[in-house]
């Protein structure tokens, strides 16, 4: 059973940076496309960024370009979300998720964009940005 554990969240001030980590276990991390989602109070779960299992392709939601970056280290079974210049509207629970399907279809550049594509989810980490 694949387990995903997020860490790195916390309470920060506007303009600060945070790096979220998501450690995977119980499976073959290098075969999973990975994604970061966030869910603010009373909102749905929105895609922040995704990265192909090869790491060769990345997607970042347009409003976050220039501030957020997704990366992965397959040797450490970990995917990261670097968040800079944080704003109060970035306050949310951040979730990582894994999708093993692109590997089996040979889609090394595919970055899943829909939350329903992801099969495994972490429990989330809270990020709170004060003004």
C-alpha atoms as a PDB file:
ATOM      1  CA  UNK A   1       0.000   0.000   0.000  1.00  0.00           C
ATOM      2  CA  UNK A   2       1.396   3.363  -1.027  1.00  0.00           C
ATOM      3  CA  UNK A   3       1.662   5.919   1.742  1.00  0.00           C
ATOM      4  CA  UNK A   4       2.281   9.614   1.249  1.00  0.00           C
ATOM      5  CA  UNK A   5       3.272  11.857   4.128  1.00  0.00           C
ATOM      6  CA  UNK A   6       3.440  15.624   3.728  1.00  0.00           C
ATOM      7  CA  UNK A   7       5.548  17.887   5.910  1.00  0.00           C
ATOM      8  CA  UNK A   8       6.846  21.428   5.999  1.00  0.00           C
ATOM      9  CA  UNK A   9       3.659  23.369   6.543  1.00  0.00           C
ATOM     10  CA  UNK A  10       3.213  25.989   9.207  1.00  0.00           C
ATOM     11  CA  UNK A  11       2.335  29.557  10.072  1.00  0.00           C
ATOM     12  CA  UNK A  12       4.326  32.191   8.203  1.00  0.00           C
ATOM     13  CA  UNK A  13       4.037  35.855   7.334  1.00  0.00           C
ATOM     14  CA  UNK A  14       3.242  37.274   3.925  1.00  0.00           C
ATOM     15  CA  UNK A  15       6.367  37.333   1.785  1.00  0.00           C
ATOM     16  CA  UNK A  16       7.970  34.340   3.493  1.00  0.00           C
ATOM     17  CA  UNK A  17       8.903  31.052   1.855  1.00  0.00           C
ATOM     18  CA  UNK A  18       8.129  27.444   2.674  1.00  0.00           C
ATOM     19  CA  UNK A  19       9.185  24.152   1.165  1.00  0.00           C
ATOM     20  CA  UNK A  20       6.712  21.328   1.445  1.00  0.00           C
ATOM     21  CA  UNK A  21       7.896  17.745   1.213  1.00  0.00           C
ATOM     22  CA  UNK A  22       5.955  14.606   0.448  1.00  0.00           C
ATOM     23  CA  UNK A  23       7.653  11.321   1.271  1.00  0.00           C
ATOM     24  CA  UNK A  24       6.367   8.164  -0.367  1.00  0.00           C
ATOM     25  CA  UNK A  25       6.652   4.601   0.865  1.00  0.00           C
ATOM     26  CA  UNK A  26       5.208   1.218   0.049  1.00  0.00           C
ATOM     27  CA  UNK A  27       5.604   1.477  -3.690  1.00  0.00           C
ATOM     28  CA  UNK A  28       7.944   2.453  -6.515  1.00  0.00           C
ATOM     29  CA  UNK A  29       8.053   6.224  -6.300  1.00  0.00           C
ATOM     30  CA  UNK A  30       9.906   6.684  -9.572  1.00  0.00           C
ATOM     31  CA  UNK A  31       6.923   5.262 -11.456  1.00  0.00           C
ATOM     32  CA  UNK A  32       4.377   7.744 -10.072  1.00  0.00           C
ATOM     33  CA  UNK A  33       3.342  11.020 -11.547  1.00  0.00           C
ATOM     34  CA  UNK A  34       2.951  13.339  -8.581  1.00  0.00           C
ATOM     35  CA  UNK A  35       0.793  16.310  -7.839  1.00  0.00           C
ATOM     36  CA  UNK A  36       0.242  18.965  -5.202  1.00  0.00           C
ATOM     37  CA  UNK A  37      -3.255  20.197  -4.478  1.00  0.00           C
ATOM     38  CA  UNK A  38      -4.597  22.684  -1.993  1.00  0.00           C
ATOM     39  CA  UNK A  39      -7.918  23.168  -0.327  1.00  0.00           C
ATOM     40  CA  UNK A  40      -8.867  26.355   1.408  1.00  0.00           C
ATOM     41  CA  UNK A  41     -11.720  26.457   3.906  1.00  0.00           C
ATOM     42  CA  UNK A  42     -15.095  26.035   2.188  1.00  0.00           C
ATOM     43  CA  UNK A  43     -13.399  25.576  -1.186  1.00  0.00           C
ATOM     44  CA  UNK A  44     -12.786  22.617  -3.411  1.00  0.00           C
ATOM     45  CA  UNK A  45      -9.442  20.892  -3.835  1.00  0.00           C
ATOM     46  CA  UNK A  46      -7.472  22.656  -6.561  1.00  0.00           C
ATOM     47  CA  UNK A  47      -4.390  21.564  -8.462  1.00  0.00           C
ATOM     48  CA  UNK A  48      -1.277  23.542  -7.624  1.00  0.00           C
ATOM     49  CA  UNK A  49       1.368  21.653  -9.592  1.00  0.00           C
ATOM     50  CA  UNK A  50       2.150  18.277 -11.071  1.00  0.00           C
ATOM     51  CA  UNK A  51       5.251  16.502 -12.298  1.00  0.00           C
ATOM     52  CA  UNK A  52       5.651  13.503 -14.551  1.00  0.00           C
ATOM     53  CA  UNK A  53       7.124  10.290 -13.222  1.00  0.00           C
ATOM     54  CA  UNK A  54      10.278  10.960 -15.239  1.00  0.00           C
ATOM     55  CA  UNK A  55      10.534  14.488 -13.861  1.00  0.00           C
ATOM     56  CA  UNK A  56      10.900  15.769 -17.418  1.00  0.00           C
ATOM     57  CA  UNK A  57       7.570  17.546 -17.513  1.00  0.00           C
ATOM     58  CA  UNK A  58       5.981  19.873 -14.990  1.00  0.00           C
ATOM     59  CA  UNK A  59       2.746  21.786 -14.757  1.00  0.00           C
ATOM     60  CA  UNK A  60       2.110  24.788 -12.551  1.00  0.00           C
ATOM     61  CA  UNK A  61      -1.191  26.584 -12.169  1.00  0.00           C
ATOM     62  CA  UNK A  62      -0.966  29.925 -13.978  1.00  0.00           C
ATOM     63  CA  UNK A  63      -1.617  32.184 -10.957  1.00  0.00           C
ATOM     64  CA  UNK A  64       1.283  30.555  -9.126  1.00  0.00           C
ATOM     65  CA  UNK A  65       3.919  30.775 -11.820  1.00  0.00           C
ATOM     66  CA  UNK A  66       6.929  32.699 -10.669  1.00  0.00           C
ATOM     67  CA  UNK A  67       6.296  31.904  -7.006  1.00  0.00           C
ATOM     68  CA  UNK A  68       5.894  28.123  -6.733  1.00  0.00           C
ATOM     69  CA  UNK A  69       8.060  25.307  -8.060  1.00  0.00           C
ATOM     70  CA  UNK A  70       7.548  21.539  -8.042  1.00  0.00           C
ATOM     71  CA  UNK A  71      10.444  19.106  -8.069  1.00  0.00           C
ATOM     72  CA  UNK A  72      11.171  15.515  -7.196  1.00  0.00           C
ATOM     73  CA  UNK A  73      14.072  13.436  -5.951  1.00  0.00           C
ATOM     74  CA  UNK A  74      13.499   9.829  -6.889  1.00  0.00           C
ATOM     75  CA  UNK A  75      16.494   8.698  -4.832  1.00  0.00           C
ATOM     76  CA  UNK A  76      14.764  10.079  -1.739  1.00  0.00           C
ATOM     77  CA  UNK A  77      11.226   9.058  -2.778  1.00  0.00           C
ATOM     78  CA  UNK A  78      10.179  12.638  -2.226  1.00  0.00           C
ATOM     79  CA  UNK A  79       8.384  15.361  -4.125  1.00  0.00           C
ATOM     80  CA  UNK A  80       8.747  19.003  -3.118  1.00  0.00           C
ATOM     81  CA  UNK A  81       6.765  22.189  -3.462  1.00  0.00           C
ATOM     82  CA  UNK A  82       8.829  25.331  -3.061  1.00  0.00           C
ATOM     83  CA  UNK A  83       6.616  28.295  -2.255  1.00  0.00           C
ATOM     84  CA  UNK A  84       8.033  31.803  -2.318  1.00  0.00           C
ATOM     85  CA  UNK A  85       6.523  35.229  -1.717  1.00  0.00           C
ATOM     86  CA  UNK A  86       3.608  33.664   0.101  1.00  0.00           C
ATOM     87  CA  UNK A  87       0.328  35.543   0.287  1.00  0.00           C
ATOM     88  CA  UNK A  88      -2.614  35.208   2.691  1.00  0.00           C
ATOM     89  CA  UNK A  89      -4.651  33.712  -0.147  1.00  0.00           C
ATOM     90  CA  UNK A  90      -2.197  30.800  -0.234  1.00  0.00           C
ATOM     91  CA  UNK A  91      -3.577  29.686   3.112  1.00  0.00           C
ATOM     92  CA  UNK A  92      -4.898  26.152   2.697  1.00  0.00           C
ATOM     93  CA  UNK A  93      -4.310  22.512   3.455  1.00  0.00           C
ATOM     94  CA  UNK A  94      -1.814  21.207   0.929  1.00  0.00           C
ATOM     95  CA  UNK A  95      -2.049  17.622  -0.252  1.00  0.00           C
ATOM     96  CA  UNK A  96       0.272  15.514  -2.356  1.00  0.00           C
ATOM     97  CA  UNK A  97      -1.039  12.762  -4.571  1.00  0.00           C
ATOM     98  CA  UNK A  98       0.322   9.972  -6.762  1.00  0.00           C
ATOM     99  CA  UNK A  99      -0.863   8.562 -10.067  1.00  0.00           C
ATOM    100  CA  UNK A 100       0.769   5.323 -11.231  1.00  0.00           C
ATOM    101  CA  UNK A 101      -1.100   5.057 -14.541  1.00  0.00           C
ATOM    102  CA  UNK A 102       1.170   7.151 -16.806  1.00  0.00           C
ATOM    103  CA  UNK A 103       4.053   4.771 -16.171  1.00  0.00           C
ATOM    104  CA  UNK A 104       2.097   1.760 -17.364  1.00  0.00           C
ATOM    105  CA  UNK A 105       1.055   3.606 -20.492  1.00  0.00           C
ATOM    106  CA  UNK A 106       4.601   4.779 -21.131  1.00  0.00           C
ATOM    107  CA  UNK A 107       3.594   8.446 -20.829  1.00  0.00           C
ATOM    108  CA  UNK A 108       6.807   9.793 -19.362  1.00  0.00           C
ATOM    109  CA  UNK A 109       5.812  13.417 -20.046  1.00  0.00           C
ATOM    110  CA  UNK A 110       2.248  13.202 -18.769  1.00  0.00           C
ATOM    111  CA  UNK A 111       1.302  15.419 -15.849  1.00  0.00           C
ATOM    112  CA  UNK A 112      -2.125  14.539 -14.447  1.00  0.00           C
ATOM    113  CA  UNK A 113      -4.267  17.644 -13.965  1.00  0.00           C
ATOM    114  CA  UNK A 114      -7.520  16.250 -12.582  1.00  0.00           C
ATOM    115  CA  UNK A 115      -7.742  15.176  -8.959  1.00  0.00           C
ATOM    116  CA  UNK A 116      -9.725  12.105 -10.043  1.00  0.00           C
ATOM    117  CA  UNK A 117      -6.686  10.827 -11.914  1.00  0.00           C
ATOM    118  CA  UNK A 118      -4.739  10.410  -8.690  1.00  0.00           C
ATOM    119  CA  UNK A 119      -5.016   7.151  -6.800  1.00  0.00           C
ATOM    120  CA  UNK A 120      -3.060   7.826  -3.641  1.00  0.00           C
ATOM    121  CA  UNK A 121      -3.306  10.805  -1.321  1.00  0.00           C
ATOM    122  CA  UNK A 122      -1.528  12.113   1.727  1.00  0.00           C
ATOM    123  CA  UNK A 123      -3.267  13.483   4.790  1.00  0.00           C
ATOM    124  CA  UNK A 124      -2.314  17.067   4.073  1.00  0.00           C
ATOM    125  CA  UNK A 125      -0.285  19.763   5.749  1.00  0.00           C
ATOM    126  CA  UNK A 126      -1.659  23.125   6.826  1.00  0.00           C
ATOM    127  CA  UNK A 127      -0.122  26.299   5.469  1.00  0.00           C
ATOM    128  CA  UNK A 128      -1.282  29.545   7.040  1.00  0.00           C
ATOM    129  CA  UNK A 129      -0.024  32.888   5.772  1.00  0.00           C
ATOM    130  CA  UNK A 130      -0.696  35.921   7.943  1.00  0.00           C
ATOM    131  CA  UNK A 131      -0.837  39.434   6.545  1.00  0.00           C
END
